[in-house]
């Protein structure tokens, strides 16, 4: 690819993690080598409108669209993938001026639904553009904690007991669901929206009243909730990078400032501790790195992923909690910090992710997209 790579960076989105996406994207764009990349920022408002031109990041931060930002749309043309800007051109009768911006690769720095869950990835597949991160299937499964855990179990990974419940069942069968949770899961337990990250809508329940409140809170963010057995263990995280042959970083440990590592502990209050490398026995450290790669492969992930664990030190038990297919990507986020301590600086990590995206597209371009019976005889 001659000259600078023109890279569209997507951020914001219709998600409870909108603000986190803005932080991640700001860090990513600031760290990109301007000699290698021509950056095209693309912001997605909280109600789903796409903006480009001017400074969409600032527009989303200020919740106001300035005159140099325009509504935009991706062009689903595999022969010339890109972005269209719809510019105002005088009166309504005169119509709009349209500007086309070709893109070489897209970096969807989107967290949560409508961005990390396969929806945008499907659009990028139709568009025919190389893109950073997991594909449609792995993004979707990586977002849905129920199916993620089912695949982890199928791959032989240790997972804590859990129950998934839908909102309509909760409305119709509340008493029997509570009884089932108390019998199988018990207290304390964690309740989470099935399709969300950054600990949004997550709570811990120590009794039935807190359980009911926690489920109703989770179901405000998603139609499905997950109730998990509480694991009284250390919180360990491990980053994974790659395509067909992924590698894992050294693990790190989180010591939350509160009862658990919630949204406030992650992004608002700075009293939680991140310990890198995690003080672990060598065999436990290597087992966590091995499990991280297995979890990554279990959902057929690509590019990047951060795998979260619980470790019971006395029992020497490791539990895989979840994988994030587009983890927080600020300079102080665990994913890039783990790679930095493993020998890959932040800006180099971005380069590697772009290279993986371009290589995946080269591999896909060799596949047949049509079939002629007479050629197959």
Protein backbone atom coordinates (compact mmCIF):
# COMPACT_ATOMS: atom_id res chain seq x y z
CA UNK A 1 0.00 0.00 0.00
CA UNK A 2 1.72 3.19 -1.23
CA UNK A 3 1.73 6.36 0.86
CA UNK A 4 -0.08 6.86 4.13
CA UNK A 5 -2.85 4.48 5.16
CA UNK A 6 -6.18 6.27 5.25
CA UNK A 7 -7.85 4.95 8.39
CA UNK A 8 -11.38 5.66 9.52
CA UNK A 9 -11.64 5.67 13.32
CA UNK A 10 -15.18 5.04 14.56
CA UNK A 11 -16.19 6.08 18.07
CA UNK A 12 -19.16 6.95 20.27
CA UNK A 13 -22.24 4.92 19.38
CA UNK A 14 -25.64 3.96 20.78
CA UNK A 15 -24.36 2.29 23.92
CA UNK A 16 -24.06 2.75 27.65
CA UNK A 17 -20.32 2.73 26.95
CA UNK A 18 -20.48 5.79 24.66
CA UNK A 19 -18.30 7.93 26.96
CA UNK A 20 -15.69 5.17 27.33
CA UNK A 21 -15.46 4.91 23.54
CA UNK A 22 -14.66 8.63 23.29
CA UNK A 23 -11.81 8.22 25.78
CA UNK A 24 -10.42 5.20 23.95
CA UNK A 25 -10.64 6.85 20.51
CA UNK A 26 -8.96 10.04 21.72
CA UNK A 27 -5.99 7.99 22.96
CA UNK A 28 -5.81 5.86 19.80
CA UNK A 29 -5.86 8.82 17.43
CA UNK A 30 -3.31 10.76 19.49
CA UNK A 31 -0.92 7.78 19.42
CA UNK A 32 -1.16 7.03 15.70
CA UNK A 33 1.94 7.83 13.68
CA UNK A 34 0.86 10.71 11.40
CA UNK A 35 3.60 9.72 8.94
CA UNK A 36 1.93 6.31 8.51
CA UNK A 37 -1.75 7.19 8.81
CA UNK A 38 -4.15 9.76 7.49
CA UNK A 39 -6.81 9.71 10.20
CA UNK A 40 -10.48 10.17 9.31
CA UNK A 41 -12.42 10.54 12.60
CA UNK A 42 -16.03 9.32 12.44
CA UNK A 43 -18.24 9.99 15.43
CA UNK A 44 -21.55 8.25 16.13
CA UNK A 45 -23.95 10.18 18.32
CA UNK A 46 -25.87 8.60 21.19
CA UNK A 47 -28.94 8.43 18.97
CA UNK A 48 -27.02 6.76 16.14
CA UNK A 49 -26.22 9.59 13.70
CA UNK A 50 -22.82 9.43 12.00
CA UNK A 51 -20.64 12.54 11.80
CA UNK A 52 -17.41 13.28 9.93
CA UNK A 53 -15.45 16.34 8.82
CA UNK A 54 -14.25 18.93 11.31
CA UNK A 55 -13.81 17.49 14.82
CA UNK A 56 -16.49 14.85 15.50
CA UNK A 57 -14.78 13.86 18.76
CA UNK A 58 -15.22 17.34 20.17
CA UNK A 59 -18.76 17.45 18.79
CA UNK A 60 -19.71 14.30 20.69
CA UNK A 61 -17.96 15.46 23.85
CA UNK A 62 -19.86 18.76 23.76
CA UNK A 63 -23.08 17.16 22.45
CA UNK A 64 -23.32 19.85 19.77
CA UNK A 65 -22.75 19.53 16.01
CA UNK A 66 -20.64 22.47 14.73
CA UNK A 67 -20.89 23.80 11.19
CA UNK A 68 -17.81 21.95 9.93
CA UNK A 69 -19.17 18.53 10.95
CA UNK A 70 -21.48 16.78 8.49
CA UNK A 71 -23.74 13.76 8.60
CA UNK A 72 -22.04 10.79 6.98
CA UNK A 73 -22.61 7.21 5.85
CA UNK A 74 -20.43 4.29 4.88
CA UNK A 75 -20.56 3.24 1.25
CA UNK A 76 -21.09 -0.50 0.84
CA UNK A 77 -19.01 -0.85 -2.31
CA UNK A 78 -16.25 -3.50 -2.02
CA UNK A 79 -14.54 -2.08 -5.12
CA UNK A 80 -14.13 1.32 -3.46
CA UNK A 81 -14.97 1.30 0.25
CA UNK A 82 -15.32 4.67 1.85
CA UNK A 83 -17.39 7.33 3.50
CA UNK A 84 -19.84 9.87 2.09
CA UNK A 85 -20.28 13.31 3.67
CA UNK A 86 -23.61 15.08 3.12
CA UNK A 87 -22.78 18.79 3.05
CA UNK A 88 -25.35 21.55 3.13
CA UNK A 89 -25.27 23.53 -0.11
CA UNK A 90 -27.40 26.63 0.11
CA UNK A 91 -31.18 26.30 0.24
CA UNK A 92 -33.13 23.07 0.55
CA UNK A 93 -34.17 23.44 -3.08
CA UNK A 94 -30.53 23.39 -4.17
CA UNK A 95 -29.95 20.11 -2.35
CA UNK A 96 -26.76 18.85 -0.74
CA UNK A 97 -23.19 18.53 -1.87
CA UNK A 98 -21.83 15.00 -1.47
CA UNK A 99 -18.16 14.28 -0.82
CA UNK A 100 -16.68 10.77 -1.04
CA UNK A 101 -13.71 9.84 1.17
CA UNK A 102 -12.08 6.46 0.34
CA UNK A 103 -10.84 4.39 3.28
CA UNK A 104 -8.06 1.79 3.35
CA UNK A 105 -8.95 0.37 6.76
CA UNK A 106 -11.41 1.04 9.59
CA UNK A 107 -10.71 0.97 13.34
CA UNK A 108 -14.05 0.64 15.16
CA UNK A 109 -13.12 1.90 18.64
CA UNK A 110 -16.65 1.11 19.80
CA UNK A 111 -17.63 -0.52 23.07
CA UNK A 112 -20.91 -2.28 23.77
CA UNK A 113 -24.07 -2.76 21.66
CA UNK A 114 -24.28 -1.28 18.14
CA UNK A 115 -20.51 -1.36 17.78
CA UNK A 116 -18.77 -4.22 19.56
CA UNK A 117 -21.56 -6.76 19.03
CA UNK A 118 -21.19 -7.58 15.33
CA UNK A 119 -23.60 -4.97 13.98
CA UNK A 120 -20.96 -2.54 12.73
CA UNK A 121 -18.69 -5.44 11.78
CA UNK A 122 -21.44 -6.74 9.48
CA UNK A 123 -21.72 -3.33 7.88
CA UNK A 124 -17.94 -3.24 7.36
CA UNK A 125 -18.06 -6.69 5.77
CA UNK A 126 -20.71 -5.48 3.30
CA UNK A 127 -18.65 -2.36 2.72
CA UNK A 128 -15.64 -4.52 1.84
CA UNK A 129 -13.20 -2.60 4.06
CA UNK A 130 -10.49 -4.18 6.19
CA UNK A 131 -11.21 -3.47 9.86
CA UNK A 132 -9.48 -3.90 13.18
CA UNK A 133 -10.77 -6.46 15.65
CA UNK A 134 -13.11 -9.39 15.84
CA UNK A 135 -15.42 -10.43 13.00
CA UNK A 136 -19.21 -10.64 13.00
CA UNK A 137 -19.56 -13.99 14.78
CA UNK A 138 -16.87 -13.47 17.41
CA UNK A 139 -18.04 -9.91 18.11
CA UNK A 140 -21.60 -11.09 18.61
CA UNK A 141 -20.68 -14.07 20.78
CA UNK A 142 -18.11 -12.05 22.69
CA UNK A 143 -20.80 -9.54 23.60
CA UNK A 144 -23.41 -12.09 24.70
CA UNK A 145 -22.18 -13.45 28.03
CA UNK A 146 -24.49 -16.48 27.93
CA UNK A 147 -23.27 -17.85 24.60
CA UNK A 148 -19.70 -16.80 25.35
CA UNK A 149 -19.73 -18.94 28.49
CA UNK A 150 -21.36 -21.84 26.67
CA UNK A 151 -18.51 -21.83 24.13
CA UNK A 152 -15.95 -21.53 26.93
CA UNK A 153 -17.45 -24.61 28.59
CA UNK A 154 -17.48 -26.46 25.26
CA UNK A 155 -13.74 -25.69 24.93
CA UNK A 156 -13.03 -27.14 28.38
CA UNK A 157 -12.40 -23.82 30.11
CA UNK A 158 -13.37 -23.49 33.79
CA UNK A 159 -16.41 -21.22 34.18
CA UNK A 160 -18.38 -20.36 37.32
CA UNK A 161 -22.03 -21.43 37.53
CA UNK A 162 -24.45 -19.01 35.88
CA UNK A 163 -28.09 -18.61 34.89
CA UNK A 164 -29.37 -16.51 31.99
CA UNK A 165 -32.87 -15.04 32.07
CA UNK A 166 -34.93 -13.01 29.59
CA UNK A 167 -37.08 -10.04 30.51
CA UNK A 168 -40.37 -11.67 29.48
CA UNK A 169 -39.65 -14.70 31.68
CA UNK A 170 -38.79 -12.42 34.58
CA UNK A 171 -42.18 -10.73 34.23
CA UNK A 172 -44.08 -14.04 34.04
CA UNK A 173 -42.07 -16.39 36.27
CA UNK A 174 -40.38 -14.16 38.83
CA UNK A 175 -40.96 -16.42 41.85
CA UNK A 176 -39.71 -19.59 40.16
CA UNK A 177 -36.66 -17.78 38.73
CA UNK A 178 -35.72 -16.44 42.16
CA UNK A 179 -36.11 -19.93 43.61
CA UNK A 180 -33.92 -21.43 40.86
CA UNK A 181 -31.21 -18.79 41.38
CA UNK A 182 -31.19 -19.27 45.15
CA UNK A 183 -30.94 -23.05 44.71
CA UNK A 184 -28.27 -23.15 41.98
CA UNK A 185 -26.31 -19.91 42.47
CA UNK A 186 -26.95 -18.75 46.04
CA UNK A 187 -25.70 -15.60 47.74
CA UNK A 188 -23.72 -13.52 47.22
CA UNK A 189 -24.02 -13.41 43.44
CA UNK A 190 -23.38 -11.01 40.58
CA UNK A 191 -26.03 -9.75 38.17
CA UNK A 192 -25.07 -8.32 34.77
CA UNK A 193 -26.73 -7.27 31.54
CA UNK A 194 -25.87 -10.07 29.10
CA UNK A 195 -24.84 -7.67 26.32
CA UNK A 196 -22.87 -4.82 27.82
CA UNK A 197 -19.41 -4.12 29.21
CA UNK A 198 -17.47 -1.65 31.37
CA UNK A 199 -19.44 -2.97 34.37
CA UNK A 200 -22.46 -0.87 33.33
CA UNK A 201 -25.58 -2.19 35.08
CA UNK A 202 -23.58 -4.72 37.14
CA UNK A 203 -24.43 -5.29 40.80
CA UNK A 204 -23.72 -7.68 43.65
CA UNK A 205 -26.56 -9.23 45.62
CA UNK A 206 -26.34 -10.60 49.15
CA UNK A 207 -30.05 -11.26 49.66
CA UNK A 208 -33.30 -11.59 47.75
CA UNK A 209 -34.09 -7.88 47.82
CA UNK A 210 -30.75 -6.99 46.29
CA UNK A 211 -31.17 -9.80 43.75
CA UNK A 212 -34.51 -8.40 42.55
CA UNK A 213 -33.12 -4.87 42.36
CA UNK A 214 -30.03 -6.11 40.52
CA UNK A 215 -32.02 -8.04 37.92
CA UNK A 216 -34.33 -5.12 37.28
CA UNK A 217 -31.31 -2.81 36.91
CA UNK A 218 -29.61 -5.19 34.44
CA UNK A 219 -32.82 -5.54 32.41
CA UNK A 220 -32.91 -1.76 31.95
CA UNK A 221 -29.85 -2.13 29.71
CA UNK A 222 -30.55 -5.43 27.96
CA UNK A 223 -33.41 -7.86 27.45
CA UNK A 224 -31.29 -10.62 28.96
CA UNK A 225 -29.47 -10.76 32.29
CA UNK A 226 -26.84 -13.11 33.67
CA UNK A 227 -26.67 -14.18 37.31
CA UNK A 228 -23.30 -15.67 38.30
CA UNK A 229 -21.87 -17.40 41.31
CA UNK A 230 -19.70 -15.02 43.32
CA UNK A 231 -16.07 -16.13 43.18
CA UNK A 232 -14.11 -14.88 46.16
CA UNK A 233 -10.84 -14.61 44.33
CA UNK A 234 -8.26 -12.27 42.87
CA UNK A 235 -9.18 -10.42 39.65
CA UNK A 236 -6.63 -11.18 36.92
CA UNK A 237 -6.62 -9.92 33.33
CA UNK A 238 -4.61 -11.03 30.30
CA UNK A 239 -4.39 -9.45 26.84
CA UNK A 240 -4.37 -11.42 23.58
CA UNK A 241 -3.12 -10.23 20.18
CA UNK A 242 -3.09 -11.87 16.76
CA UNK A 243 -4.98 -13.76 14.11
CA UNK A 244 -4.47 -17.45 13.39
CA UNK A 245 -1.61 -17.74 15.90
CA UNK A 246 -2.47 -15.39 18.78
CA UNK A 247 -0.12 -14.61 21.66
CA UNK A 248 -0.91 -13.57 25.21
CA UNK A 249 0.63 -10.90 27.41
CA UNK A 250 1.85 -11.18 30.95
CA UNK A 251 -1.17 -11.14 33.29
CA UNK A 252 -2.05 -8.17 35.48
CA UNK A 253 -4.07 -7.92 38.67
CA UNK A 254 -6.79 -5.49 39.66
CA UNK A 255 -7.35 -4.60 43.30
CA UNK A 256 -10.68 -2.70 43.24
CA UNK A 257 -11.22 0.33 45.43
CA UNK A 258 -14.75 -0.88 46.19
CA UNK A 259 -16.57 -4.16 46.61
CA UNK A 260 -15.84 -5.01 42.98
CA UNK A 261 -14.35 -3.40 39.86
CA UNK A 262 -17.41 -1.41 38.74
CA UNK A 263 -17.77 1.51 36.32
CA UNK A 264 -16.86 4.09 38.97
CA UNK A 265 -13.72 2.16 39.96
CA UNK A 266 -12.67 1.83 36.31
CA UNK A 267 -13.24 5.35 35.03
CA UNK A 268 -14.08 7.82 37.79
CA UNK A 269 -12.27 7.15 41.02
CA UNK A 270 -8.57 6.44 40.73
CA UNK A 271 -8.10 4.47 43.93
CA UNK A 272 -8.14 1.00 42.35
CA UNK A 273 -4.72 -0.57 41.86
CA UNK A 274 -3.41 -2.19 38.67
CA UNK A 275 -0.48 -4.48 39.41
CA UNK A 276 1.63 -5.53 36.40
CA UNK A 277 2.86 -8.20 36.35
CA UNK A 278 0.42 -9.92 38.68
CA UNK A 279 2.27 -11.61 41.55
CA UNK A 280 1.49 -15.23 40.61
CA UNK A 281 3.27 -18.56 40.82
CA UNK A 282 4.95 -19.33 37.46
CA UNK A 283 2.70 -22.29 36.71
CA UNK A 284 -0.46 -20.27 37.45
CA UNK A 285 0.77 -17.37 35.32
CA UNK A 286 1.40 -19.68 32.36
CA UNK A 287 -1.93 -21.44 32.81
CA UNK A 288 -3.74 -18.08 32.71
CA UNK A 289 -1.87 -17.13 29.53
CA UNK A 290 -2.82 -20.49 28.01
CA UNK A 291 -6.47 -20.09 29.02
CA UNK A 292 -6.53 -16.56 27.57
CA UNK A 293 -5.50 -17.87 24.14
CA UNK A 294 -8.02 -20.74 24.38
CA UNK A 295 -10.81 -18.29 25.25
CA UNK A 296 -9.78 -16.09 22.31
CA UNK A 297 -9.87 -19.08 19.97
CA UNK A 298 -13.10 -20.48 21.47
CA UNK A 299 -15.07 -17.60 19.97
CA UNK A 300 -12.82 -17.37 16.85
CA UNK A 301 -11.62 -13.91 17.84
CA UNK A 302 -9.16 -11.88 15.78
CA UNK A 303 -7.00 -8.85 16.40
CA UNK A 304 -7.41 -8.11 20.08
CA UNK A 305 -9.13 -9.37 23.17
CA UNK A 306 -8.80 -8.99 26.92
CA UNK A 307 -9.69 -12.06 28.97
CA UNK A 308 -10.76 -11.62 32.60
CA UNK A 309 -10.22 -14.24 35.29
CA UNK A 310 -10.85 -14.98 38.94
CA UNK A 311 -8.14 -16.84 40.83
CA UNK A 312 -8.71 -18.60 44.15
CA UNK A 313 -5.23 -18.66 45.55
CA UNK A 314 -5.79 -21.15 48.38
CA UNK A 315 -7.48 -23.71 46.13
CA UNK A 316 -5.27 -22.90 43.09
CA UNK A 317 -8.47 -22.56 41.04
CA UNK A 318 -8.74 -20.39 37.94
CA UNK A 319 -12.10 -19.33 36.49
CA UNK A 320 -12.53 -17.62 33.12
CA UNK A 321 -14.97 -14.74 33.57
CA UNK A 322 -15.29 -13.20 30.10
CA UNK A 323 -13.55 -11.87 27.02
CA UNK A 324 -13.80 -8.30 25.74
CA UNK A 325 -13.33 -8.12 21.96
CA UNK A 326 -12.82 -4.34 22.01
CA UNK A 327 -11.47 -3.60 25.48
CA UNK A 328 -10.87 -0.12 26.84
CA UNK A 329 -8.03 1.40 24.81
CA UNK A 330 -6.90 4.50 26.66
CA UNK A 331 -3.21 4.69 27.55
CA UNK A 332 -4.07 3.71 31.12
CA UNK A 333 -6.40 0.86 30.14
CA UNK A 334 -5.37 -2.64 31.09
CA UNK A 335 -5.21 -4.03 27.53
CA UNK A 336 -2.45 -1.72 26.21
CA UNK A 337 -0.71 -1.48 29.59
CA UNK A 338 -0.28 -5.27 29.68
CA UNK A 339 1.27 -5.22 26.21
CA UNK A 340 3.51 -2.31 27.12
CA UNK A 341 4.90 -4.36 30.02
CA UNK A 342 5.19 -7.31 27.62
CA UNK A 343 7.39 -5.32 25.23
CA UNK A 344 4.93 -3.75 22.77
CA UNK A 345 4.49 0.04 23.17
CA UNK A 346 1.09 1.66 22.62
CA UNK A 347 1.72 3.09 19.12
CA UNK A 348 3.37 -0.16 17.95
CA UNK A 349 0.36 -2.09 19.25
CA UNK A 350 -1.90 0.01 17.02
CA UNK A 351 0.38 -0.72 14.04
CA UNK A 352 0.18 -4.46 14.71
CA UNK A 353 -3.62 -4.36 14.91
CA UNK A 354 -3.83 -2.56 11.57
CA UNK A 355 -1.42 -5.10 10.02
CA UNK A 356 -3.58 -7.97 11.30
CA UNK A 357 -6.67 -6.33 9.79
CA UNK A 358 -5.01 -5.90 6.40
CA UNK A 359 -3.67 -9.46 6.43
CA UNK A 360 -7.12 -10.87 7.23
CA UNK A 361 -8.55 -8.96 4.26
CA UNK A 362 -5.79 -10.34 2.00
CA UNK A 363 -6.68 -13.85 3.12
CA UNK A 364 -10.39 -13.27 2.49
CA UNK A 365 -9.71 -11.79 -0.96
CA UNK A 366 -8.32 -15.15 -2.09
CA UNK A 367 -11.63 -16.92 -1.42
CA UNK A 368 -14.13 -17.61 -4.18
CA UNK A 369 -17.32 -15.58 -3.97
CA UNK A 370 -19.08 -17.25 -6.88
CA UNK A 371 -19.62 -20.79 -8.16
CA UNK A 372 -19.98 -22.08 -11.69
CA UNK A 373 -20.93 -25.71 -12.10
CA UNK A 374 -18.99 -26.21 -15.31
CA UNK A 375 -15.77 -24.92 -13.67
CA UNK A 376 -16.14 -27.41 -10.80
CA UNK A 377 -16.46 -30.50 -13.05
